[in-house]
Amino acid sequence: MSPEERPLPPEMIPEPWRGAEFAPPWPVPKPPRRLLHLGLLLATVVTTVIAGALQQGVNPLETPELLSKGIPFSFTLLLILGAHEMGHYLVSRRHHLDVTLPYFIPAPPIPFIIGTFGAFIRIRSPIRDKRALLDVGCSGPLIGVLVAIPVILIGLKLSTVTAIGGGEETITLGEPLLFKLLSWLALGPMTPEQDVILHPVAFAGWIGLLVTALNLLPVGQLDGGHVAYALFPDYHRYISLGVLGLLVVCGVVFWSGWLLWAVLLVFLGWRHPPPYEFWVPLDRRRRVLGVITIVVFGLTFSPAPFVLG
């Protein structure tokens, strides 16, 4: 054990943690509930396939044989979400954490709903130190983005470029910087009179970037909150409050959905508990990884994900 990993003497422990009792960091893992995880995954496959078919104008009740049109959207979206959560899962296991398999959350496949509320894993044991905290926090978003990038490029190649029509009210998707770059690589420069009708694969990739940005918000115990706490433990609460204020501003100026998201984050909690061995510092490699994760957040965040026009 290196000197920096040894427990601090009681007199050197900061006041907020002095006398605090931490559970051992490596409890006996609970057996996985595989049938529950599999059932939720299969239910989410069904709801996302139906949602993808609805996006293609298919009526599942009248023409159920056309439900296969929803498979490209469903497969792509679940691939990105699954890669994100498995990134968390595998890195958590590497750090000997008691972690569950991913829980996929099905959603009613109605118009404008993508058929899922996402996925998550549960970490049932305390995270040992800031190194493990950063590894777990950044692994899911970074792996998810690495999967989303080729998916978006393929989907954009399959998309249709049209002229912008007038007189009809439509919902336009906001373009984060990463999506704009990939669009330029796949389709080349476009004039203001041109628009892109996204292929279901490209739309699923766009959702993947939105999910990445939502998870990387540096608030509470979101993935971005883990990264922010690992990098700046003394300033985490101020960062969380500042980002919540930014979401309120974006909700008033750009997209009202940010107001709902801000309220939800306040309800879930904007604070972050200390890791088990909070005194162990980050190494240089992990600081660089943390900076890369912040850059990815900037590249995937859009102040106005949806624009009515």
C-alpha atoms as a PDB file:
ATOM      1  CA  MET A   1       0.000   0.000   0.000  1.00  0.00           C
ATOM      2  CA  SER A   2       1.452   3.359  -1.035  1.00  0.00           C
ATOM      3  CA  PRO A   3       1.603   6.194   1.556  1.00  0.00           C
ATOM      4  CA  GLU A   4      -1.211   8.109  -0.165  1.00  0.00           C
ATOM      5  CA  GLU A   5      -3.546   5.077   0.108  1.00  0.00           C
ATOM      6  CA  ARG A   6      -3.064   4.570   3.850  1.00  0.00           C
ATOM      7  CA  PRO A   7      -5.922   5.626   6.136  1.00  0.00           C
ATOM      8  CA  LEU A   8      -5.639   9.117   7.566  1.00  0.00           C
ATOM      9  CA  PRO A   9      -5.107   9.551  11.307  1.00  0.00           C
ATOM     10  CA  PRO A  10      -8.311  10.749  13.030  1.00  0.00           C
ATOM     11  CA  GLU A  11      -7.001  14.284  13.605  1.00  0.00           C
ATOM     12  CA  MET A  12      -6.396  14.754   9.856  1.00  0.00           C
ATOM     13  CA  ILE A  13      -9.890  13.691   8.764  1.00  0.00           C
ATOM     14  CA  PRO A  14     -11.923  16.710   7.554  1.00  0.00           C
ATOM     15  CA  GLU A  15     -14.738  17.760   9.881  1.00  0.00           C
ATOM     16  CA  PRO A  16     -17.674  16.678   7.652  1.00  0.00           C
ATOM     17  CA  TRP A  17     -16.411  13.074   7.707  1.00  0.00           C
ATOM     18  CA  ARG A  18     -14.932  12.920  11.215  1.00  0.00           C
ATOM     19  CA  GLY A  19     -16.575  10.096  13.113  1.00  0.00           C
ATOM     20  CA  ALA A  20     -18.542   8.951  10.073  1.00  0.00           C
ATOM     21  CA  GLU A  21     -19.042   5.221   9.756  1.00  0.00           C
ATOM     22  CA  PHE A  22     -18.465   3.708   6.321  1.00  0.00           C
ATOM     23  CA  ALA A  23     -19.570   0.229   5.405  1.00  0.00           C
ATOM     24  CA  PRO A  24     -16.827  -2.104   4.167  1.00  0.00           C
ATOM     25  CA  PRO A  25     -16.298  -1.477   0.429  1.00  0.00           C
ATOM     26  CA  TRP A  26     -16.502  -5.100  -0.662  1.00  0.00           C
ATOM     27  CA  PRO A  27     -19.711  -6.758   0.597  1.00  0.00           C
ATOM     28  CA  VAL A  28     -20.651 -10.197  -0.593  1.00  0.00           C
ATOM     29  CA  PRO A  29     -22.323  -9.691  -4.013  1.00  0.00           C
ATOM     30  CA  LYS A  30     -25.982 -10.604  -4.206  1.00  0.00           C
ATOM     31  CA  PRO A  31     -26.973 -13.164  -6.852  1.00  0.00           C
ATOM     32  CA  PRO A  32     -28.238 -11.504 -10.062  1.00  0.00           C
ATOM     33  CA  ARG A  33     -31.962 -11.635 -10.817  1.00  0.00           C
ATOM     34  CA  ARG A  34     -31.415 -12.724 -14.390  1.00  0.00           C
ATOM     35  CA  LEU A  35     -35.067 -13.414 -15.230  1.00  0.00           C
ATOM     36  CA  LEU A  36     -36.063  -9.886 -14.182  1.00  0.00           C
ATOM     37  CA  HIS A  37     -33.287  -8.310 -16.246  1.00  0.00           C
ATOM     38  CA  LEU A  38     -34.104 -10.492 -19.258  1.00  0.00           C
ATOM     39  CA  GLY A  39     -37.835  -9.794 -18.963  1.00  0.00           C
ATOM     40  CA  LEU A  40     -37.304  -6.031 -18.861  1.00  0.00           C
ATOM     41  CA  LEU A  41     -34.941  -6.225 -21.834  1.00  0.00           C
ATOM     42  CA  LEU A  42     -37.443  -8.236 -23.911  1.00  0.00           C
ATOM     43  CA  ALA A  43     -40.269  -5.856 -22.962  1.00  0.00           C
ATOM     44  CA  THR A  44     -38.105  -2.907 -24.026  1.00  0.00           C
ATOM     45  CA  VAL A  45     -37.330  -4.628 -27.323  1.00  0.00           C
ATOM     46  CA  VAL A  46     -41.064  -4.923 -27.977  1.00  0.00           C
ATOM     47  CA  THR A  47     -41.878  -1.311 -27.046  1.00  0.00           C
ATOM     48  CA  THR A  48     -38.968   0.172 -29.016  1.00  0.00           C
ATOM     49  CA  VAL A  49     -39.787  -1.922 -32.106  1.00  0.00           C
ATOM     50  CA  ILE A  50     -43.377  -0.652 -31.970  1.00  0.00           C
ATOM     51  CA  ALA A  51     -42.139   2.916 -31.417  1.00  0.00           C
ATOM     52  CA  GLY A  52     -39.785   2.621 -34.385  1.00  0.00           C
ATOM     53  CA  ALA A  53     -42.617   1.293 -36.548  1.00  0.00           C
ATOM     54  CA  LEU A  54     -44.892   4.162 -35.501  1.00  0.00           C
ATOM     55  CA  GLN A  55     -42.178   6.605 -36.579  1.00  0.00           C
ATOM     56  CA  GLN A  56     -42.329   4.999 -40.034  1.00  0.00           C
ATOM     57  CA  GLY A  57     -46.091   5.501 -40.237  1.00  0.00           C
ATOM     58  CA  VAL A  58     -47.009   1.886 -39.450  1.00  0.00           C
ATOM     59  CA  ASN A  59     -50.265   1.179 -37.622  1.00  0.00           C
ATOM     60  CA  PRO A  60     -49.450  -1.911 -35.491  1.00  0.00           C
ATOM     61  CA  LEU A  61     -53.123  -2.828 -35.161  1.00  0.00           C
ATOM     62  CA  GLU A  62     -53.954  -2.636 -38.858  1.00  0.00           C
ATOM     63  CA  THR A  63     -50.677  -3.897 -40.346  1.00  0.00           C
ATOM     64  CA  PRO A  64     -48.792  -5.877 -37.680  1.00  0.00           C
ATOM     65  CA  GLU A  65     -46.749  -7.549 -40.421  1.00  0.00           C
ATOM     66  CA  LEU A  66     -44.967  -4.214 -40.963  1.00  0.00           C
ATOM     67  CA  LEU A  67     -43.648  -4.019 -37.406  1.00  0.00           C
ATOM     68  CA  SER A  68     -40.287  -5.152 -38.753  1.00  0.00           C
ATOM     69  CA  LYS A  69     -39.788  -1.564 -39.938  1.00  0.00           C
ATOM     70  CA  GLY A  70     -39.163  -0.662 -36.305  1.00  0.00           C
ATOM     71  CA  ILE A  71     -36.247  -3.089 -35.884  1.00  0.00           C
ATOM     72  CA  PRO A  72     -33.452  -0.764 -37.150  1.00  0.00           C
ATOM     73  CA  PHE A  73     -34.429   1.927 -34.635  1.00  0.00           C
ATOM     74  CA  SER A  74     -34.878  -0.542 -31.778  1.00  0.00           C
ATOM     75  CA  PHE A  75     -31.641  -2.442 -32.401  1.00  0.00           C
ATOM     76  CA  THR A  76     -29.562   0.726 -32.727  1.00  0.00           C
ATOM     77  CA  LEU A  77     -30.999   2.456 -29.666  1.00  0.00           C
ATOM     78  CA  LEU A  78     -30.662  -0.617 -27.433  1.00  0.00           C
ATOM     79  CA  LEU A  79     -27.132  -1.185 -28.734  1.00  0.00           C
ATOM     80  CA  ILE A  80     -26.093   2.303 -27.587  1.00  0.00           C
ATOM     81  CA  LEU A  81     -27.930   2.087 -24.259  1.00  0.00           C
ATOM     82  CA  GLY A  82     -26.594  -1.415 -23.650  1.00  0.00           C
ATOM     83  CA  ALA A  83     -23.006  -0.370 -24.419  1.00  0.00           C
ATOM     84  CA  HIS A  84     -23.368   2.563 -22.014  1.00  0.00           C
ATOM     85  CA  GLU A  85     -24.633   0.432 -19.126  1.00  0.00           C
ATOM     86  CA  MET A  86     -22.257  -2.470 -19.768  1.00  0.00           C
ATOM     87  CA  GLY A  87     -19.399   0.020 -19.641  1.00  0.00           C
ATOM     88  CA  HIS A  88     -20.502   0.942 -16.124  1.00  0.00           C
ATOM     89  CA  TYR A  89     -21.052  -2.709 -15.218  1.00  0.00           C
ATOM     90  CA  LEU A  90     -17.677  -4.039 -16.381  1.00  0.00           C
ATOM     91  CA  VAL A  91     -15.687  -1.194 -14.832  1.00  0.00           C
ATOM     92  CA  SER A  92     -17.625  -1.570 -11.569  1.00  0.00           C
ATOM     93  CA  ARG A  93     -16.799  -5.285 -11.492  1.00  0.00           C
ATOM     94  CA  ARG A  94     -13.146  -4.464 -12.190  1.00  0.00           C
ATOM     95  CA  HIS A  95     -13.189  -2.328  -9.033  1.00  0.00           C
ATOM     96  CA  HIS A  96     -14.803  -5.198  -7.052  1.00  0.00           C
ATOM     97  CA  LEU A  97     -18.102  -3.357  -6.597  1.00  0.00           C
ATOM     98  CA  ASP A  98     -21.376  -5.130  -5.931  1.00  0.00           C
ATOM     99  CA  VAL A  99     -23.281  -4.100  -9.045  1.00  0.00           C
ATOM    100  CA  THR A 100     -26.404  -5.320 -10.806  1.00  0.00           C
ATOM    101  CA  LEU A 101     -26.849  -6.158 -14.454  1.00  0.00           C
ATOM    102  CA  PRO A 102     -28.549  -3.385 -16.481  1.00  0.00           C
ATOM    103  CA  TYR A 103     -32.242  -2.721 -15.890  1.00  0.00           C
ATOM    104  CA  PHE A 104     -33.910  -1.638 -19.146  1.00  0.00           C
ATOM    105  CA  ILE A 105     -37.057   0.438 -18.663  1.00  0.00           C
ATOM    106  CA  PRO A 106     -39.822  -0.023 -21.267  1.00  0.00           C
ATOM    107  CA  ALA A 107     -42.133   2.895 -22.033  1.00  0.00           C
ATOM    108  CA  PRO A 108     -45.533   3.054 -23.754  1.00  0.00           C
ATOM    109  CA  PRO A 109     -44.888   3.120 -27.529  1.00  0.00           C
ATOM    110  CA  ILE A 110     -47.086   6.104 -28.315  1.00  0.00           C
ATOM    111  CA  PRO A 111     -46.290   8.861 -30.826  1.00  0.00           C
ATOM    112  CA  PHE A 112     -43.314  11.047 -29.818  1.00  0.00           C
ATOM    113  CA  ILE A 113     -42.220   8.434 -27.240  1.00  0.00           C
ATOM    114  CA  ILE A 114     -39.213   6.288 -28.155  1.00  0.00           C
ATOM    115  CA  GLY A 115     -40.433   3.175 -26.351  1.00  0.00           C
ATOM    116  CA  THR A 116     -38.006   3.317 -23.418  1.00  0.00           C
ATOM    117  CA  PHE A 117     -37.102   5.492 -20.464  1.00  0.00           C
ATOM    118  CA  GLY A 118     -33.492   4.316 -20.727  1.00  0.00           C
ATOM    119  CA  ALA A 119     -31.551   1.856 -18.603  1.00  0.00           C
ATOM    120  CA  PHE A 120     -29.572   1.865 -15.386  1.00  0.00           C
ATOM    121  CA  ILE A 121     -27.468  -0.282 -13.092  1.00  0.00           C
ATOM    122  CA  ARG A 122     -27.438  -0.299  -9.299  1.00  0.00           C
ATOM    123  CA  ILE A 123     -24.160  -0.124  -7.401  1.00  0.00           C
ATOM    124  CA  ARG A 124     -24.948  -1.643  -4.027  1.00  0.00           C
ATOM    125  CA  SER A 125     -21.582  -1.118  -2.326  1.00  0.00           C
ATOM    126  CA  PRO A 126     -19.636   2.041  -1.465  1.00  0.00           C
ATOM    127  CA  ILE A 127     -17.177   3.200  -4.112  1.00  0.00           C
ATOM    128  CA  ARG A 128     -13.668   2.895  -2.731  1.00  0.00           C
ATOM    129  CA  ASP A 129     -11.943   6.121  -3.847  1.00  0.00           C
ATOM    130  CA  LYS A 130     -12.015   8.954  -6.376  1.00  0.00           C
ATOM    131  CA  ARG A 131     -10.141   6.815  -8.902  1.00  0.00           C
ATOM    132  CA  ALA A 132     -12.876   4.197  -8.951  1.00  0.00           C
ATOM    133  CA  LEU A 133     -15.517   6.949  -8.875  1.00  0.00           C
ATOM    134  CA  LEU A 134     -14.124   8.587 -12.009  1.00  0.00           C
ATOM    135  CA  ASP A 135     -13.639   5.255 -13.797  1.00  0.00           C
ATOM    136  CA  VAL A 136     -17.239   4.225 -13.139  1.00  0.00           C
ATOM    137  CA  GLY A 137     -18.652   7.657 -13.959  1.00  0.00           C
ATOM    138  CA  CYS A 138     -16.930   8.175 -17.305  1.00  0.00           C
ATOM    139  CA  SER A 139     -16.927   4.587 -18.613  1.00  0.00           C
ATOM    140  CA  GLY A 140     -20.600   4.430 -19.634  1.00  0.00           C
ATOM    141  CA  PRO A 141     -20.836   7.763 -21.500  1.00  0.00           C
ATOM    142  CA  LEU A 142     -17.488   7.335 -23.271  1.00  0.00           C
ATOM    143  CA  ILE A 143     -18.238   3.798 -24.451  1.00  0.00           C
ATOM    144  CA  GLY A 144     -21.762   4.833 -25.448  1.00  0.00           C
ATOM    145  CA  VAL A 145     -20.390   7.700 -27.562  1.00  0.00           C
ATOM    146  CA  LEU A 146     -17.820   5.431 -29.191  1.00  0.00           C
ATOM    147  CA  VAL A 147     -20.678   3.172 -30.297  1.00  0.00           C
ATOM    148  CA  ALA A 148     -22.927   6.091 -31.294  1.00  0.00           C
ATOM    149  CA  ILE A 149     -20.385   7.755 -33.626  1.00  0.00           C
ATOM    150  CA  PRO A 150     -20.210   4.998 -36.295  1.00  0.00           C
ATOM    151  CA  VAL A 151     -23.927   4.388 -35.898  1.00  0.00           C
ATOM    152  CA  ILE A 152     -24.702   8.048 -36.650  1.00  0.00           C
ATOM    153  CA  LEU A 153     -22.380   8.064 -39.662  1.00  0.00           C
ATOM    154  CA  ILE A 154     -24.121   4.987 -41.090  1.00  0.00           C
ATOM    155  CA  GLY A 155     -27.561   6.416 -40.334  1.00  0.00           C
ATOM    156  CA  LEU A 156     -26.757   9.762 -41.949  1.00  0.00           C
ATOM    157  CA  LYS A 157     -25.561   7.984 -45.087  1.00  0.00           C
ATOM    158  CA  LEU A 158     -28.981   6.296 -45.193  1.00  0.00           C
ATOM    159  CA  SER A 159     -30.865   9.555 -44.550  1.00  0.00           C
ATOM    160  CA  THR A 160     -32.571  11.748 -47.133  1.00  0.00           C
ATOM    161  CA  VAL A 161     -31.575  15.343 -47.891  1.00  0.00           C
ATOM    162  CA  THR A 162     -34.558  17.504 -48.935  1.00  0.00           C
ATOM    163  CA  ALA A 163     -35.428  21.135 -49.479  1.00  0.00           C
ATOM    164  CA  ILE A 164     -37.050  22.902 -46.544  1.00  0.00           C
ATOM    165  CA  GLY A 165     -40.760  23.343 -47.179  1.00  0.00           C
ATOM    166  CA  GLY A 166     -42.897  26.165 -45.854  1.00  0.00           C
ATOM    167  CA  GLY A 167     -46.281  26.436 -44.184  1.00  0.00           C
ATOM    168  CA  GLU A 168     -46.133  23.169 -42.235  1.00  0.00           C
ATOM    169  CA  GLU A 169     -45.294  23.087 -38.535  1.00  0.00           C
ATOM    170  CA  THR A 170     -42.667  20.470 -37.727  1.00  0.00           C
ATOM    171  CA  ILE A 171     -40.399  19.486 -34.859  1.00  0.00           C
ATOM    172  CA  THR A 172     -36.731  20.080 -35.631  1.00  0.00           C
ATOM    173  CA  LEU A 173     -34.033  18.272 -33.692  1.00  0.00           C
ATOM    174  CA  GLY A 174     -31.290  20.385 -32.195  1.00  0.00           C
ATOM    175  CA  GLU A 175     -27.785  19.551 -33.326  1.00  0.00           C
ATOM    176  CA  PRO A 176     -25.030  19.268 -30.710  1.00  0.00           C
ATOM    177  CA  LEU A 177     -21.545  20.017 -31.972  1.00  0.00           C
ATOM    178  CA  LEU A 178     -20.634  16.335 -32.350  1.00  0.00           C
ATOM    179  CA  PHE A 179     -23.712  15.639 -34.473  1.00  0.00           C
ATOM    180  CA  LYS A 180     -22.934  18.656 -36.683  1.00  0.00           C
ATOM    181  CA  LEU A 181     -19.404  17.378 -37.225  1.00  0.00           C
ATOM    182  CA  LEU A 182     -20.611  13.866 -38.102  1.00  0.00           C
ATOM    183  CA  SER A 183     -23.258  15.316 -40.420  1.00  0.00           C
ATOM    184  CA  TRP A 184     -20.594  17.314 -42.241  1.00  0.00           C
ATOM    185  CA  LEU A 185     -18.417  14.203 -42.587  1.00  0.00           C
ATOM    186  CA  ALA A 186     -21.278  12.037 -43.854  1.00  0.00           C
ATOM    187  CA  LEU A 187     -23.222  14.484 -46.012  1.00  0.00           C
ATOM    188  CA  GLY A 188     -20.807  17.326 -46.683  1.00  0.00           C
ATOM    189  CA  PRO A 189     -21.624  21.050 -46.453  1.00  0.00           C
ATOM    190  CA  MET A 190     -25.331  21.888 -46.666  1.00  0.00           C
ATOM    191  CA  THR A 191     -27.093  25.090 -47.630  1.00  0.00           C
ATOM    192  CA  PRO A 192     -29.679  26.789 -45.349  1.00  0.00           C
ATOM    193  CA  GLU A 193     -32.373  25.657 -47.793  1.00  0.00           C
ATOM    194  CA  GLN A 194     -31.576  21.984 -47.209  1.00  0.00           C
ATOM    195  CA  ASP A 195     -32.797  19.711 -44.448  1.00  0.00           C
ATOM    196  CA  VAL A 196     -32.170  16.084 -43.495  1.00  0.00           C
ATOM    197  CA  ILE A 197     -34.891  13.527 -42.856  1.00  0.00           C
ATOM    198  CA  LEU A 198     -33.112  11.209 -40.470  1.00  0.00           C
ATOM    199  CA  HIS A 199     -33.075   7.481 -41.067  1.00  0.00           C
ATOM    200  CA  PRO A 200     -34.227   5.539 -37.947  1.00  0.00           C
ATOM    201  CA  VAL A 201     -30.608   4.484 -37.312  1.00  0.00           C
ATOM    202  CA  ALA A 202     -29.457   8.113 -37.356  1.00  0.00           C
ATOM    203  CA  PHE A 203     -32.365   9.147 -35.112  1.00  0.00           C
ATOM    204  CA  ALA A 204     -31.438   6.444 -32.597  1.00  0.00           C
ATOM    205  CA  GLY A 205     -27.849   7.703 -32.683  1.00  0.00           C
ATOM    206  CA  TRP A 206     -29.065  11.261 -32.045  1.00  0.00           C
ATOM    207  CA  ILE A 207     -31.003  10.004 -29.030  1.00  0.00           C
ATOM    208  CA  GLY A 208     -27.811   8.286 -27.866  1.00  0.00           C
ATOM    209  CA  LEU A 209     -26.019  11.657 -27.851  1.00  0.00           C
ATOM    210  CA  LEU A 210     -28.912  13.232 -25.929  1.00  0.00           C
ATOM    211  CA  VAL A 211     -28.822  10.439 -23.337  1.00  0.00           C
ATOM    212  CA  THR A 212     -25.055  10.915 -23.019  1.00  0.00           C
ATOM    213  CA  ALA A 213     -25.472  14.650 -22.381  1.00  0.00           C
ATOM    214  CA  LEU A 214     -28.215  14.061 -19.799  1.00  0.00           C
ATOM    215  CA  ASN A 215     -26.062  11.563 -17.932  1.00  0.00           C
ATOM    216  CA  LEU A 216     -23.002  13.817 -18.043  1.00  0.00           C
ATOM    217  CA  LEU A 217     -24.710  16.777 -16.395  1.00  0.00           C
ATOM    218  CA  PRO A 218     -22.392  17.418 -13.402  1.00  0.00           C
ATOM    219  CA  VAL A 219     -25.155  17.222 -10.816  1.00  0.00           C
ATOM    220  CA  GLY A 220     -25.632  14.904  -7.856  1.00  0.00           C
ATOM    221  CA  GLN A 221     -24.887  11.273  -8.575  1.00  0.00           C
ATOM    222  CA  LEU A 222     -25.341  11.337 -12.335  1.00  0.00           C
ATOM    223  CA  ASP A 223     -22.336  10.110 -14.314  1.00  0.00           C
ATOM    224  CA  GLY A 224     -21.235  13.708 -14.727  1.00  0.00           C
ATOM    225  CA  GLY A 225     -21.704  14.233 -11.003  1.00  0.00           C
ATOM    226  CA  HIS A 226     -19.325  11.339 -10.287  1.00  0.00           C
ATOM    227  CA  VAL A 227     -16.726  12.837 -12.616  1.00  0.00           C
ATOM    228  CA  ALA A 228     -17.141  16.345 -11.186  1.00  0.00           C
ATOM    229  CA  TYR A 229     -16.799  15.079  -7.617  1.00  0.00           C
ATOM    230  CA  ALA A 230     -13.705  13.025  -8.460  1.00  0.00           C
ATOM    231  CA  LEU A 231     -12.050  16.025 -10.134  1.00  0.00           C
ATOM    232  CA  PHE A 232     -13.293  18.836  -7.887  1.00  0.00           C
ATOM    233  CA  PRO A 233     -14.569  17.369  -4.587  1.00  0.00           C
ATOM    234  CA  ASP A 234     -14.432  20.712  -2.751  1.00  0.00           C
ATOM    235  CA  TYR A 235     -16.491  22.490  -5.406  1.00  0.00           C
ATOM    236  CA  HIS A 236     -19.016  19.801  -6.351  1.00  0.00           C
ATOM    237  CA  ARG A 237     -21.993  21.396  -4.607  1.00  0.00           C
ATOM    238  CA  TYR A 238     -21.332  24.751  -6.287  1.00  0.00           C
ATOM    239  CA  ILE A 239     -20.976  23.068  -9.674  1.00  0.00           C
ATOM    240  CA  SER A 240     -24.269  21.214  -9.127  1.00  0.00           C
ATOM    241  CA  LEU A 241     -26.130  24.373  -8.129  1.00  0.00           C
ATOM    242  CA  GLY A 242     -24.624  26.303 -11.027  1.00  0.00           C
ATOM    243  CA  VAL A 243     -25.679  23.664 -13.551  1.00  0.00           C
ATOM    244  CA  LEU A 244     -29.191  23.548 -12.082  1.00  0.00           C
ATOM    245  CA  GLY A 245     -29.380  27.309 -12.567  1.00  0.00           C
ATOM    246  CA  LEU A 246     -28.136  26.920 -16.137  1.00  0.00           C
ATOM    247  CA  LEU A 247     -30.857  24.334 -16.819  1.00  0.00           C
ATOM    248  CA  VAL A 248     -33.496  26.751 -15.560  1.00  0.00           C
ATOM    249  CA  VAL A 249     -32.177  29.451 -17.900  1.00  0.00           C
ATOM    250  CA  CYS A 250     -32.115  27.008 -20.830  1.00  0.00           C
ATOM    251  CA  GLY A 251     -35.636  25.923 -19.899  1.00  0.00           C
ATOM    252  CA  VAL A 252     -36.930  29.495 -20.032  1.00  0.00           C
ATOM    253  CA  VAL A 253     -35.027  30.558 -23.153  1.00  0.00           C
ATOM    254  CA  PHE A 254     -34.633  27.430 -25.311  1.00  0.00           C
ATOM    255  CA  TRP A 255     -36.611  24.297 -24.332  1.00  0.00           C
ATOM    256  CA  SER A 256     -39.084  23.971 -21.467  1.00  0.00           C
ATOM    257  CA  GLY A 257     -38.135  20.324 -20.909  1.00  0.00           C
ATOM    258  CA  TRP A 258     -35.000  21.475 -19.085  1.00  0.00           C
ATOM    259  CA  LEU A 259     -37.232  22.911 -16.342  1.00  0.00           C
ATOM    260  CA  LEU A 260     -38.725  19.459 -15.723  1.00  0.00           C
ATOM    261  CA  TRP A 261     -35.264  17.913 -15.757  1.00  0.00           C
ATOM    262  CA  ALA A 262     -34.008  20.481 -13.219  1.00  0.00           C
ATOM    263  CA  VAL A 263     -36.923  19.733 -10.877  1.00  0.00           C
ATOM    264  CA  LEU A 264     -36.272  15.999 -11.224  1.00  0.00           C
ATOM    265  CA  LEU A 265     -32.581  16.438 -10.365  1.00  0.00           C
ATOM    266  CA  VAL A 266     -33.468  18.478  -7.272  1.00  0.00           C
ATOM    267  CA  PHE A 267     -35.843  15.704  -6.220  1.00  0.00           C
ATOM    268  CA  LEU A 268     -33.206  13.000  -6.832  1.00  0.00           C
ATOM    269  CA  GLY A 269     -30.583  15.003  -4.947  1.00  0.00           C
ATOM    270  CA  TRP A 270     -27.832  17.361  -6.086  1.00  0.00           C
ATOM    271  CA  ARG A 271     -25.299  16.402  -3.411  1.00  0.00           C
ATOM    272  CA  HIS A 272     -22.702  13.631  -3.658  1.00  0.00           C
ATOM    273  CA  PRO A 273     -21.490  11.378  -0.813  1.00  0.00           C
ATOM    274  CA  PRO A 274     -17.730  10.935  -0.311  1.00  0.00           C
ATOM    275  CA  PRO A 275     -16.104   7.718  -1.494  1.00  0.00           C
ATOM    276  CA  TYR A 276     -14.917   5.213   1.110  1.00  0.00           C
ATOM    277  CA  GLU A 277     -11.262   6.294   0.933  1.00  0.00           C
ATOM    278  CA  PHE A 278     -11.859   9.942   0.060  1.00  0.00           C
ATOM    279  CA  TRP A 279      -8.260  10.968   0.733  1.00  0.00           C
ATOM    280  CA  VAL A 280      -6.746   8.950  -2.166  1.00  0.00           C
ATOM    281  CA  PRO A 281      -5.923  11.419  -5.000  1.00  0.00           C
ATOM    282  CA  LEU A 282      -6.462  10.979  -8.711  1.00  0.00           C
ATOM    283  CA  ASP A 283      -3.503  10.069 -10.872  1.00  0.00           C
ATOM    284  CA  ARG A 284      -2.573  12.046 -13.978  1.00  0.00           C
ATOM    285  CA  ARG A 285      -4.126   9.544 -16.408  1.00  0.00           C
ATOM    286  CA  ARG A 286      -7.501   9.791 -14.716  1.00  0.00           C
ATOM    287  CA  ARG A 287      -7.381  13.578 -14.643  1.00  0.00           C
ATOM    288  CA  VAL A 288      -6.860  13.530 -18.405  1.00  0.00           C
ATOM    289  CA  LEU A 289      -9.747  11.065 -18.725  1.00  0.00           C
ATOM    290  CA  GLY A 290     -11.914  13.394 -16.668  1.00  0.00           C
ATOM    291  CA  VAL A 291     -11.095  16.334 -18.939  1.00  0.00           C
ATOM    292  CA  ILE A 292     -11.951  14.218 -22.003  1.00  0.00           C
ATOM    293  CA  THR A 293     -15.305  13.378 -20.405  1.00  0.00           C
ATOM    294  CA  ILE A 294     -16.040  17.078 -19.844  1.00  0.00           C
ATOM    295  CA  VAL A 295     -15.221  17.752 -23.507  1.00  0.00           C
ATOM    296  CA  VAL A 296     -17.607  14.962 -24.557  1.00  0.00           C
ATOM    297  CA  PHE A 297     -20.340  16.614 -22.485  1.00  0.00           C
ATOM    298  CA  GLY A 298     -19.740  19.895 -24.302  1.00  0.00           C
ATOM    299  CA  LEU A 299     -19.878  18.133 -27.673  1.00  0.00           C
ATOM    300  CA  THR A 300     -23.137  16.287 -26.941  1.00  0.00           C
ATOM    301  CA  PHE A 301     -25.129  18.967 -25.070  1.00  0.00           C
ATOM    302  CA  SER A 302     -27.686  21.003 -26.971  1.00  0.00           C
ATOM    303  CA  PRO A 303     -29.508  23.938 -25.289  1.00  0.00           C
ATOM    304  CA  ALA A 304     -32.535  23.280 -27.526  1.00  0.00           C
ATOM    305  CA  PRO A 305     -32.856  19.541 -28.309  1.00  0.00           C
ATOM    306  CA  PHE A 306     -36.301  20.077 -29.811  1.00  0.00           C
ATOM    307  CA  VAL A 307     -37.419  23.123 -31.780  1.00  0.00           C
ATOM    308  CA  LEU A 308     -41.016  23.644 -32.952  1.00  0.00           C
ATOM    309  CA  GLY A 309     -41.052  25.502 -36.226  1.00  0.00           C
END
